[in-house]
Amino acid sequence: MNIKLDENMPAALVDALQALGHDADTVPQQGIAGRDDRVVWNAAQRAGRLLITQDLDFSDVRRYRPGTHCGLLLVRLRKPGRAALTARVSAAFETEQVQTWQQCFVVLTDHKLRIRRP
């Protein structure tokens, strides 16, 4: 799966996701850190990448309707430190059928995974 990590996700996730066979890059690597969310979103879409973010600006399922994009994973942890984010996202990618998340709106919490499909 092609993945773009927003700037609010730990860089260590790149290595963890690549070790699982995914093609992952980051917003800072692309030189668009600090830019408007639309710039980040458009970059992910142009590259055909699932965007992984904690940014609640991406939480409106009406705006990011399943089937209209390459995929969105919104991570919402109670204590979102780097280690916790890396562990939780890595665990989801190890145990779930993430290839089915293309074009989906996915919310990952401490204990749940919700997928809205097209």
PDB file of N, CA and C in Angstrom:
ATOM      1  N   MET A   1       0.844  -1.173   0.000  1.00  0.00           N
ATOM      2  CA  MET A   1       0.000   0.000   0.000  1.00  0.00           C
ATOM      3  C   MET A   1       0.888   1.235   0.000  1.00  0.00           C
ATOM      4  N   ASN A   2       0.470   2.270  -0.694  1.00  0.00           N
ATOM      5  CA  ASN A   2       1.166   3.551  -0.722  1.00  0.00           C
ATOM      6  C   ASN A   2       0.597   4.437   0.375  1.00  0.00           C
ATOM      7  N   ILE A   3       1.483   4.961   1.218  1.00  0.00           N
ATOM      8  CA  ILE A   3       1.067   5.683   2.420  1.00  0.00           C
ATOM      9  C   ILE A   3       1.807   7.008   2.530  1.00  0.00           C
ATOM     10  N   LYS A   4       1.086   8.032   2.968  1.00  0.00           N
ATOM     11  CA  LYS A   4       1.710   9.313   3.316  1.00  0.00           C
ATOM     12  C   LYS A   4       1.385   9.604   4.775  1.00  0.00           C
ATOM     13  N   LEU A   5       2.426   9.851   5.568  1.00  0.00           N
ATOM     14  CA  LEU A   5       2.257  10.192   6.976  1.00  0.00           C
ATOM     15  C   LEU A   5       2.242  11.701   7.134  1.00  0.00           C
ATOM     16  N   ASP A   6       1.219  12.197   7.795  1.00  0.00           N
ATOM     17  CA  ASP A   6       1.134  13.627   8.077  1.00  0.00           C
ATOM     18  C   ASP A   6       2.255  13.994   9.043  1.00  0.00           C
ATOM     19  N   GLU A   7       2.539  15.276   9.160  1.00  0.00           N
ATOM     20  CA  GLU A   7       3.634  15.725  10.007  1.00  0.00           C
ATOM     21  C   GLU A   7       3.396  15.452  11.491  1.00  0.00           C
ATOM     22  N   ASN A   8       2.165  15.158  11.887  1.00  0.00           N
ATOM     23  CA  ASN A   8       1.868  14.877  13.289  1.00  0.00           C
ATOM     24  C   ASN A   8       2.014  13.392  13.639  1.00  0.00           C
ATOM     25  N   MET A   9       2.543  12.614  12.720  1.00  0.00           N
ATOM     26  CA  MET A   9       2.793  11.196  12.963  1.00  0.00           C
ATOM     27  C   MET A   9       4.300  10.984  13.124  1.00  0.00           C
ATOM     28  N   PRO A  10       4.712  10.031  13.969  1.00  0.00           N
ATOM     29  CA  PRO A  10       6.143   9.822  14.203  1.00  0.00           C
ATOM     30  C   PRO A  10       6.862   9.311  12.952  1.00  0.00           C
ATOM     31  N   ALA A  11       8.030   9.853  12.701  1.00  0.00           N
ATOM     32  CA  ALA A  11       8.833   9.437  11.544  1.00  0.00           C
ATOM     33  C   ALA A  11       9.217   7.958  11.627  1.00  0.00           C
ATOM     34  N   ALA A  12       9.287   7.408  12.834  1.00  0.00           N
ATOM     35  CA  ALA A  12       9.631   5.991  13.001  1.00  0.00           C
ATOM     36  C   ALA A  12       8.623   5.077  12.315  1.00  0.00           C
ATOM     37  N   LEU A  13       7.433   5.580  12.068  1.00  0.00           N
ATOM     38  CA  LEU A  13       6.418   4.771  11.381  1.00  0.00           C
ATOM     39  C   LEU A  13       6.816   4.454   9.948  1.00  0.00           C
ATOM     40  N   VAL A  14       7.620   5.318   9.328  1.00  0.00           N
ATOM     41  CA  VAL A  14       8.060   5.046   7.955  1.00  0.00           C
ATOM     42  C   VAL A  14       8.781   3.709   7.915  1.00  0.00           C
ATOM     43  N   ASP A  15       9.758   3.536   8.788  1.00  0.00           N
ATOM     44  CA  ASP A  15      10.522   2.288   8.812  1.00  0.00           C
ATOM     45  C   ASP A  15       9.645   1.092   9.172  1.00  0.00           C
ATOM     46  N   ALA A  16       8.751   1.286  10.147  1.00  0.00           N
ATOM     47  CA  ALA A  16       7.872   0.189  10.569  1.00  0.00           C
ATOM     48  C   ALA A  16       6.959  -0.246   9.424  1.00  0.00           C
ATOM     49  N   LEU A  17       6.395   0.703   8.703  1.00  0.00           N
ATOM     50  CA  LEU A  17       5.494   0.371   7.597  1.00  0.00           C
ATOM     51  C   LEU A  17       6.260  -0.206   6.408  1.00  0.00           C
ATOM     52  N   GLN A  18       7.439   0.326   6.145  1.00  0.00           N
ATOM     53  CA  GLN A  18       8.252  -0.222   5.055  1.00  0.00           C
ATOM     54  C   GLN A  18       8.682  -1.647   5.362  1.00  0.00           C
ATOM     55  N   ALA A  19       8.957  -1.944   6.626  1.00  0.00           N
ATOM     56  CA  ALA A  19       9.320  -3.310   7.019  1.00  0.00           C
ATOM     57  C   ALA A  19       8.178  -4.284   6.780  1.00  0.00           C
ATOM     58  N   LEU A  20       6.947  -3.761   6.765  1.00  0.00           N
ATOM     59  CA  LEU A  20       5.774  -4.592   6.488  1.00  0.00           C
ATOM     60  C   LEU A  20       5.448  -4.639   4.992  1.00  0.00           C
ATOM     61  N   GLY A  21       6.302  -4.021   4.176  1.00  0.00           N
ATOM     62  CA  GLY A  21       6.132  -4.095   2.733  1.00  0.00           C
ATOM     63  C   GLY A  21       5.386  -2.944   2.098  1.00  0.00           C
ATOM     64  N   HIS A  22       5.149  -1.884   2.847  1.00  0.00           N
ATOM     65  CA  HIS A  22       4.416  -0.735   2.325  1.00  0.00           C
ATOM     66  C   HIS A  22       5.385   0.340   1.833  1.00  0.00           C
ATOM     67  N   ASP A  23       4.905   1.165   0.922  1.00  0.00           N
ATOM     68  CA  ASP A  23       5.665   2.301   0.420  1.00  0.00           C
ATOM     69  C   ASP A  23       5.192   3.522   1.193  1.00  0.00           C
ATOM     70  N   ALA A  24       5.997   3.971   2.150  1.00  0.00           N
ATOM     71  CA  ALA A  24       5.590   5.072   3.028  1.00  0.00           C
ATOM     72  C   ALA A  24       6.530   6.253   2.885  1.00  0.00           C
ATOM     73  N   ASP A  25       5.936   7.441   2.849  1.00  0.00           N
ATOM     74  CA  ASP A  25       6.711   8.675   2.909  1.00  0.00           C
ATOM     75  C   ASP A  25       5.990   9.640   3.829  1.00  0.00           C
ATOM     76  N   THR A  26       6.593  10.814   4.029  1.00  0.00           N
ATOM     77  CA  THR A  26       6.028  11.759   4.985  1.00  0.00           C
ATOM     78  C   THR A  26       5.832  13.136   4.365  1.00  0.00           C
ATOM     79  N   VAL A  27       4.974  13.905   4.998  1.00  0.00           N
ATOM     80  CA  VAL A  27       4.746  15.288   4.605  1.00  0.00           C
ATOM     81  C   VAL A  27       6.048  16.092   4.698  1.00  0.00           C
ATOM     82  N   PRO A  28       6.825  15.965   5.804  1.00  0.00           N
ATOM     83  CA  PRO A  28       8.092  16.711   5.854  1.00  0.00           C
ATOM     84  C   PRO A  28       9.078  16.301   4.744  1.00  0.00           C
ATOM     85  N   GLN A  29       9.140  15.020   4.405  1.00  0.00           N
ATOM     86  CA  GLN A  29      10.029  14.588   3.322  1.00  0.00           C
ATOM     87  C   GLN A  29       9.666  15.271   2.009  1.00  0.00           C
ATOM     88  N   GLN A  30       8.411  15.533   1.831  1.00  0.00           N
ATOM     89  CA  GLN A  30       7.940  16.158   0.598  1.00  0.00           C
ATOM     90  C   GLN A  30       8.104  17.679   0.635  1.00  0.00           C
ATOM     91  N   GLY A  31       8.464  18.211   1.802  1.00  0.00           N
ATOM     92  CA  GLY A  31       8.680  19.650   1.911  1.00  0.00           C
ATOM     93  C   GLY A  31       7.412  20.465   2.061  1.00  0.00           C
ATOM     94  N   ILE A  32       6.336  19.828   2.556  1.00  0.00           N
ATOM     95  CA  ILE A  32       5.075  20.569   2.701  1.00  0.00           C
ATOM     96  C   ILE A  32       4.613  20.640   4.159  1.00  0.00           C
ATOM     97  N   ALA A  33       5.531  20.399   5.098  1.00  0.00           N
ATOM     98  CA  ALA A  33       5.187  20.516   6.522  1.00  0.00           C
ATOM     99  C   ALA A  33       4.776  21.952   6.817  1.00  0.00           C
ATOM    100  N   GLY A  34       3.730  22.112   7.621  1.00  0.00           N
ATOM    101  CA  GLY A  34       3.252  23.432   7.992  1.00  0.00           C
ATOM    102  C   GLY A  34       2.334  24.075   6.964  1.00  0.00           C
ATOM    103  N   ARG A  35       2.157  23.421   5.851  1.00  0.00           N
ATOM    104  CA  ARG A  35       1.289  23.972   4.806  1.00  0.00           C
ATOM    105  C   ARG A  35      -0.169  23.677   5.132  1.00  0.00           C
ATOM    106  N   ASP A  36      -1.059  24.335   4.446  1.00  0.00           N
ATOM    107  CA  ASP A  36      -2.488  24.163   4.612  1.00  0.00           C
ATOM    108  C   ASP A  36      -2.886  22.689   4.400  1.00  0.00           C
ATOM    109  N   ASP A  37      -3.910  22.254   5.115  1.00  0.00           N
ATOM    110  CA  ASP A  37      -4.372  20.863   4.995  1.00  0.00           C
ATOM    111  C   ASP A  37      -4.722  20.488   3.563  1.00  0.00           C
ATOM    112  N   ARG A  38      -5.233  21.437   2.796  1.00  0.00           N
ATOM    113  CA  ARG A  38      -5.583  21.143   1.398  1.00  0.00           C
ATOM    114  C   ARG A  38      -4.356  20.766   0.590  1.00  0.00           C
ATOM    115  N   VAL A  39      -3.228  21.389   0.886  1.00  0.00           N
ATOM    116  CA  VAL A  39      -1.979  21.072   0.193  1.00  0.00           C
ATOM    117  C   VAL A  39      -1.559  19.639   0.524  1.00  0.00           C
ATOM    118  N   VAL A  40      -1.635  19.294   1.801  1.00  0.00           N
ATOM    119  CA  VAL A  40      -1.283  17.936   2.246  1.00  0.00           C
ATOM    120  C   VAL A  40      -2.226  16.923   1.605  1.00  0.00           C
ATOM    121  N   TRP A  41      -3.517  17.194   1.659  1.00  0.00           N
ATOM    122  CA  TRP A  41      -4.514  16.290   1.096  1.00  0.00           C
ATOM    123  C   TRP A  41      -4.296  16.096  -0.404  1.00  0.00           C
ATOM    124  N   ASN A  42      -4.118  17.188  -1.108  1.00  0.00           N
ATOM    125  CA  ASN A  42      -3.930  17.099  -2.561  1.00  0.00           C
ATOM    126  C   ASN A  42      -2.647  16.346  -2.923  1.00  0.00           C
ATOM    127  N   ALA A  43      -1.594  16.527  -2.145  1.00  0.00           N
ATOM    128  CA  ALA A  43      -0.343  15.803  -2.396  1.00  0.00           C
ATOM    129  C   ALA A  43      -0.546  14.306  -2.220  1.00  0.00           C
ATOM    130  N   ALA A  44      -1.266  13.919  -1.170  1.00  0.00           N
ATOM    131  CA  ALA A  44      -1.536  12.494  -0.938  1.00  0.00           C
ATOM    132  C   ALA A  44      -2.385  11.919  -2.065  1.00  0.00           C
ATOM    133  N   GLN A  45      -3.370  12.671  -2.510  1.00  0.00           N
ATOM    134  CA  GLN A  45      -4.254  12.177  -3.565  1.00  0.00           C
ATOM    135  C   GLN A  45      -3.526  12.067  -4.899  1.00  0.00           C
ATOM    136  N   ARG A  46      -2.730  13.076  -5.237  1.00  0.00           N
ATOM    137  CA  ARG A  46      -1.980  13.029  -6.502  1.00  0.00           C
ATOM    138  C   ARG A  46      -1.034  11.838  -6.542  1.00  0.00           C
ATOM    139  N   ALA A  47      -0.468  11.497  -5.389  1.00  0.00           N
ATOM    140  CA  ALA A  47       0.479  10.379  -5.311  1.00  0.00           C
ATOM    141  C   ALA A  47      -0.225   9.031  -5.120  1.00  0.00           C
ATOM    142  N   GLY A  48      -1.551   9.049  -4.976  1.00  0.00           N
ATOM    143  CA  GLY A  48      -2.294   7.810  -4.776  1.00  0.00           C
ATOM    144  C   GLY A  48      -2.000   7.149  -3.442  1.00  0.00           C
ATOM    145  N   ARG A  49      -1.880   7.961  -2.396  1.00  0.00           N
ATOM    146  CA  ARG A  49      -1.489   7.441  -1.078  1.00  0.00           C
ATOM    147  C   ARG A  49      -2.600   7.586  -0.036  1.00  0.00           C
ATOM    148  N   LEU A  50      -2.686   6.585   0.834  1.00  0.00           N
ATOM    149  CA  LEU A  50      -3.517   6.645   2.032  1.00  0.00           C
ATOM    150  C   LEU A  50      -2.869   7.659   2.962  1.00  0.00           C
ATOM    151  N   LEU A  51      -3.620   8.635   3.432  1.00  0.00           N
ATOM    152  CA  LEU A  51      -3.092   9.624   4.361  1.00  0.00           C
ATOM    153  C   LEU A  51      -3.355   9.156   5.787  1.00  0.00           C
ATOM    154  N   ILE A  52      -2.297   9.116   6.596  1.00  0.00           N
ATOM    155  CA  ILE A  52      -2.427   8.786   8.014  1.00  0.00           C
ATOM    156  C   ILE A  52      -2.161  10.063   8.799  1.00  0.00           C
ATOM    157  N   THR A  53      -3.121  10.446   9.643  1.00  0.00           N
ATOM    158  CA  THR A  53      -3.035  11.709  10.367  1.00  0.00           C
ATOM    159  C   THR A  53      -3.740  11.622  11.713  1.00  0.00           C
ATOM    160  N   GLN A  54      -3.434  12.589  12.575  1.00  0.00           N
ATOM    161  CA  GLN A  54      -4.176  12.797  13.820  1.00  0.00           C
ATOM    162  C   GLN A  54      -4.993  14.079  13.744  1.00  0.00           C
ATOM    163  N   ASP A  55      -4.876  14.790  12.661  1.00  0.00           N
ATOM    164  CA  ASP A  55      -5.470  16.108  12.490  1.00  0.00           C
ATOM    165  C   ASP A  55      -6.992  16.009  12.373  1.00  0.00           C
ATOM    166  N   LEU A  56      -7.694  16.588  13.334  1.00  0.00           N
ATOM    167  CA  LEU A  56      -9.155  16.527  13.341  1.00  0.00           C
ATOM    168  C   LEU A  56      -9.792  17.313  12.201  1.00  0.00           C
ATOM    169  N   ASP A  57      -9.012  18.129  11.511  1.00  0.00           N
ATOM    170  CA  ASP A  57      -9.543  18.804  10.326  1.00  0.00           C
ATOM    171  C   ASP A  57      -9.923  17.794   9.249  1.00  0.00           C
ATOM    172  N   PHE A  58      -9.399  16.585   9.355  1.00  0.00           N
ATOM    173  CA  PHE A  58      -9.721  15.526   8.397  1.00  0.00           C
ATOM    174  C   PHE A  58     -10.820  14.586   8.911  1.00  0.00           C
ATOM    175  N   SER A  59     -11.512  14.967   9.987  1.00  0.00           N
ATOM    176  CA  SER A  59     -12.469  14.055  10.622  1.00  0.00           C
ATOM    177  C   SER A  59     -13.885  14.108  10.057  1.00  0.00           C
ATOM    178  N   ASP A  60     -14.157  14.999   9.139  1.00  0.00           N
ATOM    179  CA  ASP A  60     -15.505  15.139   8.592  1.00  0.00           C
ATOM    180  C   ASP A  60     -15.731  14.124   7.473  1.00  0.00           C
ATOM    181  N   VAL A  61     -16.462  13.064   7.790  1.00  0.00           N
ATOM    182  CA  VAL A  61     -16.697  11.996   6.813  1.00  0.00           C
ATOM    183  C   VAL A  61     -17.519  12.481   5.621  1.00  0.00           C
ATOM    184  N   ARG A  62     -18.274  13.557   5.806  1.00  0.00           N
ATOM    185  CA  ARG A  62     -19.031  14.116   4.667  1.00  0.00           C
ATOM    186  C   ARG A  62     -18.087  14.771   3.672  1.00  0.00           C
ATOM    187  N   ARG A  63     -17.069  15.405   4.174  1.00  0.00           N
ATOM    188  CA  ARG A  63     -16.088  16.055   3.300  1.00  0.00           C
ATOM    189  C   ARG A  63     -15.137  15.038   2.668  1.00  0.00           C
ATOM    190  N   TYR A  64     -14.780  14.004   3.430  1.00  0.00           N
ATOM    191  CA  TYR A  64     -13.861  12.970   2.958  1.00  0.00           C
ATOM    192  C   TYR A  64     -14.639  11.660   2.783  1.00  0.00           C
ATOM    193  N   ARG A  65     -15.678  11.753   1.995  1.00  0.00           N
ATOM    194  CA  ARG A  65     -16.606  10.649   1.767  1.00  0.00           C
ATOM    195  C   ARG A  65     -15.892   9.435   1.163  1.00  0.00           C
ATOM    196  N   PRO A  66     -16.099   8.262   1.729  1.00  0.00           N
ATOM    197  CA  PRO A  66     -15.488   7.055   1.178  1.00  0.00           C
ATOM    198  C   PRO A  66     -15.816   6.905  -0.308  1.00  0.00           C
ATOM    199  N   GLY A  67     -14.814   6.464  -1.047  1.00  0.00           N
ATOM    200  CA  GLY A  67     -14.980   6.273  -2.472  1.00  0.00           C
ATOM    201  C   GLY A  67     -14.564   7.470  -3.301  1.00  0.00           C
ATOM    202  N   THR A  68     -14.285   8.606  -2.637  1.00  0.00           N
ATOM    203  CA  THR A  68     -13.920   9.818  -3.368  1.00  0.00           C
ATOM    204  C   THR A  68     -12.435  10.150  -3.245  1.00  0.00           C
ATOM    205  N   HIS A  69     -11.677   9.268  -2.598  1.00  0.00           N
ATOM    206  CA  HIS A  69     -10.252   9.533  -2.363  1.00  0.00           C
ATOM    207  C   HIS A  69      -9.482   8.220  -2.250  1.00  0.00           C
ATOM    208  N   CYS A  70      -8.177   8.328  -2.065  1.00  0.00           N
ATOM    209  CA  CYS A  70      -7.300   7.149  -2.006  1.00  0.00           C
ATOM    210  C   CYS A  70      -7.326   6.452  -0.652  1.00  0.00           C
ATOM    211  N   GLY A  71      -7.869   7.104   0.351  1.00  0.00           N
ATOM    212  CA  GLY A  71      -7.957   6.512   1.682  1.00  0.00           C
ATOM    213  C   GLY A  71      -7.461   7.477   2.740  1.00  0.00           C
ATOM    214  N   LEU A  72      -8.070   7.387   3.917  1.00  0.00           N
ATOM    215  CA  LEU A  72      -7.744   8.265   5.035  1.00  0.00           C
ATOM    216  C   LEU A  72      -7.807   7.452   6.317  1.00  0.00           C
ATOM    217  N   LEU A  73      -6.718   7.474   7.078  1.00  0.00           N
ATOM    218  CA  LEU A  73      -6.679   6.837   8.391  1.00  0.00           C
ATOM    219  C   LEU A  73      -6.481   7.934   9.426  1.00  0.00           C
ATOM    220  N   LEU A  74      -7.516   8.149  10.248  1.00  0.00           N
ATOM    221  CA  LEU A  74      -7.478   9.133  11.323  1.00  0.00           C
ATOM    222  C   LEU A  74      -7.195   8.389  12.624  1.00  0.00           C
ATOM    223  N   VAL A  75      -6.094   8.739  13.281  1.00  0.00           N
ATOM    224  CA  VAL A  75      -5.669   8.062  14.509  1.00  0.00           C
ATOM    225  C   VAL A  75      -6.031   8.936  15.694  1.00  0.00           C
ATOM    226  N   ARG A  76      -6.792   8.369  16.633  1.00  0.00           N
ATOM    227  CA  ARG A  76      -7.249   9.097  17.820  1.00  0.00           C
ATOM    228  C   ARG A  76      -6.936   8.278  19.063  1.00  0.00           C
ATOM    229  N   LEU A  77      -5.794   8.536  19.678  1.00  0.00           N
ATOM    230  CA  LEU A  77      -5.395   7.843  20.902  1.00  0.00           C
ATOM    231  C   LEU A  77      -5.532   8.783  22.098  1.00  0.00           C
ATOM    232  N   ARG A  78      -5.813   8.211  23.261  1.00  0.00           N
ATOM    233  CA  ARG A  78      -5.929   9.030  24.475  1.00  0.00           C
ATOM    234  C   ARG A  78      -4.613   9.706  24.826  1.00  0.00           C
ATOM    235  N   LYS A  79      -3.523   8.937  24.737  1.00  0.00           N
ATOM    236  CA  LYS A  79      -2.189   9.474  25.029  1.00  0.00           C
ATOM    237  C   LYS A  79      -1.326   9.235  23.796  1.00  0.00           C
ATOM    238  N   PRO A  80      -1.375  10.171  22.843  1.00  0.00           N
ATOM    239  CA  PRO A  80      -0.734   9.945  21.553  1.00  0.00           C
ATOM    240  C   PRO A  80       0.758  10.301  21.496  1.00  0.00           C
ATOM    241  N   GLY A  81       1.548   9.696  22.360  1.00  0.00           N
ATOM    242  CA  GLY A  81       2.997   9.890  22.278  1.00  0.00           C
ATOM    243  C   GLY A  81       3.561   9.130  21.086  1.00  0.00           C
ATOM    244  N   ARG A  82       4.793   9.421  20.735  1.00  0.00           N
ATOM    245  CA  ARG A  82       5.410   8.775  19.569  1.00  0.00           C
ATOM    246  C   ARG A  82       5.397   7.255  19.664  1.00  0.00           C
ATOM    247  N   ALA A  83       5.783   6.737  20.822  1.00  0.00           N
ATOM    248  CA  ALA A  83       5.844   5.278  20.986  1.00  0.00           C
ATOM    249  C   ALA A  83       4.454   4.653  20.870  1.00  0.00           C
ATOM    250  N   ALA A  84       3.457   5.294  21.487  1.00  0.00           N
ATOM    251  CA  ALA A  84       2.089   4.760  21.438  1.00  0.00           C
ATOM    252  C   ALA A  84       1.539   4.802  20.017  1.00  0.00           C
ATOM    253  N   LEU A  85       1.782   5.888  19.310  1.00  0.00           N
ATOM    254  CA  LEU A  85       1.309   5.993  17.920  1.00  0.00           C
ATOM    255  C   LEU A  85       1.978   4.944  17.035  1.00  0.00           C
ATOM    256  N   THR A  86       3.278   4.814  17.175  1.00  0.00           N
ATOM    257  CA  THR A  86       4.005   3.837  16.361  1.00  0.00           C
ATOM    258  C   THR A  86       3.512   2.431  16.649  1.00  0.00           C
ATOM    259  N   ALA A  87       3.346   2.101  17.923  1.00  0.00           N
ATOM    260  CA  ALA A  87       2.898   0.759  18.299  1.00  0.00           C
ATOM    261  C   ALA A  87       1.488   0.476  17.804  1.00  0.00           C
ATOM    262  N   ARG A  88       0.570   1.412  17.984  1.00  0.00           N
ATOM    263  CA  ARG A  88      -0.836   1.170  17.619  1.00  0.00           C
ATOM    264  C   ARG A  88      -1.022   1.075  16.113  1.00  0.00           C
ATOM    265  N   VAL A  89      -0.424   1.993  15.367  1.00  0.00           N
ATOM    266  CA  VAL A  89      -0.563   1.953  13.909  1.00  0.00           C
ATOM    267  C   VAL A  89       0.133   0.718  13.350  1.00  0.00           C
ATOM    268  N   SER A  90       1.318   0.409  13.845  1.00  0.00           N
ATOM    269  CA  SER A  90       2.034  -0.792  13.386  1.00  0.00           C
ATOM    270  C   SER A  90       1.212  -2.048  13.653  1.00  0.00           C
ATOM    271  N   ALA A  91       0.620  -2.137  14.835  1.00  0.00           N
ATOM    272  CA  ALA A  91      -0.192  -3.308  15.181  1.00  0.00           C
ATOM    273  C   ALA A  91      -1.384  -3.440  14.234  1.00  0.00           C
ATOM    274  N   ALA A  92      -2.016  -2.337  13.918  1.00  0.00           N
ATOM    275  CA  ALA A  92      -3.155  -2.378  12.991  1.00  0.00           C
ATOM    276  C   ALA A  92      -2.705  -2.858  11.611  1.00  0.00           C
ATOM    277  N   PHE A  93      -1.556  -2.389  11.152  1.00  0.00           N
ATOM    278  CA  PHE A  93      -1.064  -2.793   9.841  1.00  0.00           C
ATOM    279  C   PHE A  93      -0.585  -4.238   9.829  1.00  0.00           C
ATOM    280  N   GLU A  94      -0.220  -4.768  10.990  1.00  0.00           N
ATOM    281  CA  GLU A  94       0.196  -6.167  11.085  1.00  0.00           C
ATOM    282  C   GLU A  94      -0.990  -7.123  11.148  1.00  0.00           C
ATOM    283  N   THR A  95      -2.108  -6.675  11.720  1.00  0.00           N
ATOM    284  CA  THR A  95      -3.214  -7.592  11.984  1.00  0.00           C
ATOM    285  C   THR A  95      -4.444  -7.406  11.092  1.00  0.00           C
ATOM    286  N   GLU A  96      -4.567  -6.255  10.467  1.00  0.00           N
ATOM    287  CA  GLU A  96      -5.753  -5.973   9.660  1.00  0.00           C
ATOM    288  C   GLU A  96      -5.456  -6.143   8.173  1.00  0.00           C
ATOM    289  N   GLN A  97      -6.490  -6.281   7.393  1.00  0.00           N
ATOM    290  CA  GLN A  97      -6.355  -6.372   5.938  1.00  0.00           C
ATOM    291  C   GLN A  97      -6.364  -4.950   5.377  1.00  0.00           C
ATOM    292  N   VAL A  98      -5.242  -4.267   5.557  1.00  0.00           N
ATOM    293  CA  VAL A  98      -5.165  -2.846   5.238  1.00  0.00           C
ATOM    294  C   VAL A  98      -5.323  -2.557   3.749  1.00  0.00           C
ATOM    295  N   GLN A  99      -5.049  -3.524   2.904  1.00  0.00           N
ATOM    296  CA  GLN A  99      -5.226  -3.288   1.471  1.00  0.00           C
ATOM    297  C   GLN A  99      -6.685  -2.999   1.140  1.00  0.00           C
ATOM    298  N   THR A 100      -7.605  -3.395   2.007  1.00  0.00           N
ATOM    299  CA  THR A 100      -9.027  -3.121   1.792  1.00  0.00           C
ATOM    300  C   THR A 100      -9.408  -1.707   2.225  1.00  0.00           C
ATOM    301  N   TRP A 101      -8.465  -0.943   2.776  1.00  0.00           N
ATOM    302  CA  TRP A 101      -8.738   0.404   3.239  1.00  0.00           C
ATOM    303  C   TRP A 101      -8.664   1.438   2.123  1.00  0.00           C
ATOM    304  N   GLN A 102      -8.287   1.037   0.941  1.00  0.00           N
ATOM    305  CA  GLN A 102      -8.223   1.995  -0.159  1.00  0.00           C
ATOM    306  C   GLN A 102      -9.609   2.569  -0.387  1.00  0.00           C
ATOM    307  N   GLN A 103      -9.678   3.864  -0.524  1.00  0.00           N
ATOM    308  CA  GLN A 103     -10.902   4.631  -0.722  1.00  0.00           C
ATOM    309  C   GLN A 103     -11.813   4.648   0.505  1.00  0.00           C
ATOM    310  N   CYS A 104     -11.302   4.223   1.650  1.00  0.00           N
ATOM    311  CA  CYS A 104     -12.108   4.181   2.874  1.00  0.00           C
ATOM    312  C   CYS A 104     -11.724   5.313   3.835  1.00  0.00           C
ATOM    313  N   PHE A 105     -12.647   5.606   4.734  1.00  0.00           N
ATOM    314  CA  PHE A 105     -12.420   6.526   5.840  1.00  0.00           C
ATOM    315  C   PHE A 105     -12.293   5.645   7.077  1.00  0.00           C
ATOM    316  N   VAL A 106     -11.095   5.589   7.653  1.00  0.00           N
ATOM    317  CA  VAL A 106     -10.807   4.665   8.751  1.00  0.00           C
ATOM    318  C   VAL A 106     -10.442   5.474   9.993  1.00  0.00           C
ATOM    319  N   VAL A 107     -11.017   5.092  11.131  1.00  0.00           N
ATOM    320  CA  VAL A 107     -10.675   5.723  12.405  1.00  0.00           C
ATOM    321  C   VAL A 107     -10.112   4.645  13.315  1.00  0.00           C
ATOM    322  N   LEU A 108      -8.911   4.914  13.826  1.00  0.00           N
ATOM    323  CA  LEU A 108      -8.216   3.978  14.705  1.00  0.00           C
ATOM    324  C   LEU A 108      -8.092   4.613  16.080  1.00  0.00           C
ATOM    325  N   THR A 109      -8.625   3.941  17.103  1.00  0.00           N
ATOM    326  CA  THR A 109      -8.525   4.418  18.477  1.00  0.00           C
ATOM    327  C   THR A 109      -7.707   3.420  19.279  1.00  0.00           C
ATOM    328  N   ASP A 110      -7.628   3.637  20.585  1.00  0.00           N
ATOM    329  CA  ASP A 110      -6.873   2.727  21.443  1.00  0.00           C
ATOM    330  C   ASP A 110      -7.382   1.292  21.362  1.00  0.00           C
ATOM    331  N   HIS A 111      -8.700   1.128  21.208  1.00  0.00           N
ATOM    332  CA  HIS A 111      -9.280  -0.210  21.268  1.00  0.00           C
ATOM    333  C   HIS A 111     -10.158  -0.579  20.084  1.00  0.00           C
ATOM    334  N   LYS A 112     -10.399   0.368  19.180  1.00  0.00           N
ATOM    335  CA  LYS A 112     -11.329   0.097  18.080  1.00  0.00           C
ATOM    336  C   LYS A 112     -10.748   0.512  16.742  1.00  0.00           C
ATOM    337  N   LEU A 113     -11.341  -0.085  15.724  1.00  0.00           N
ATOM    338  CA  LEU A 113     -11.053   0.282  14.355  1.00  0.00           C
ATOM    339  C   LEU A 113     -12.398   0.374  13.640  1.00  0.00           C
ATOM    340  N   ARG A 114     -12.700   1.561  13.114  1.00  0.00           N
ATOM    341  CA  ARG A 114     -13.948   1.746  12.385  1.00  0.00           C
ATOM    342  C   ARG A 114     -13.618   2.056  10.939  1.00  0.00           C
ATOM    343  N   ILE A 115     -14.269   1.345  10.036  1.00  0.00           N
ATOM    344  CA  ILE A 115     -14.006   1.530   8.618  1.00  0.00           C
ATOM    345  C   ILE A 115     -15.306   1.904   7.923  1.00  0.00           C
ATOM    346  N   ARG A 116     -15.280   3.019   7.253  1.00  0.00           N
ATOM    347  CA  ARG A 116     -16.424   3.410   6.405  1.00  0.00           C
ATOM    348  C   ARG A 116     -15.991   3.167   4.974  1.00  0.00           C
ATOM    349  N   ARG A 117     -16.714   2.290   4.326  1.00  0.00           N
ATOM    350  CA  ARG A 117     -16.375   1.885   2.964  1.00  0.00           C
ATOM    351  C   ARG A 117     -17.252   2.619   1.943  1.00  0.00           C
ATOM    352  N   PRO A 118     -16.786   2.672   0.698  1.00  0.00           N
ATOM    353  CA  PRO A 118     -17.607   3.301  -0.353  1.00  0.00           C
ATOM    354  C   PRO A 118     -18.919   2.573  -0.548  1.00  0.00           C
TER     355      PRO A 118
END
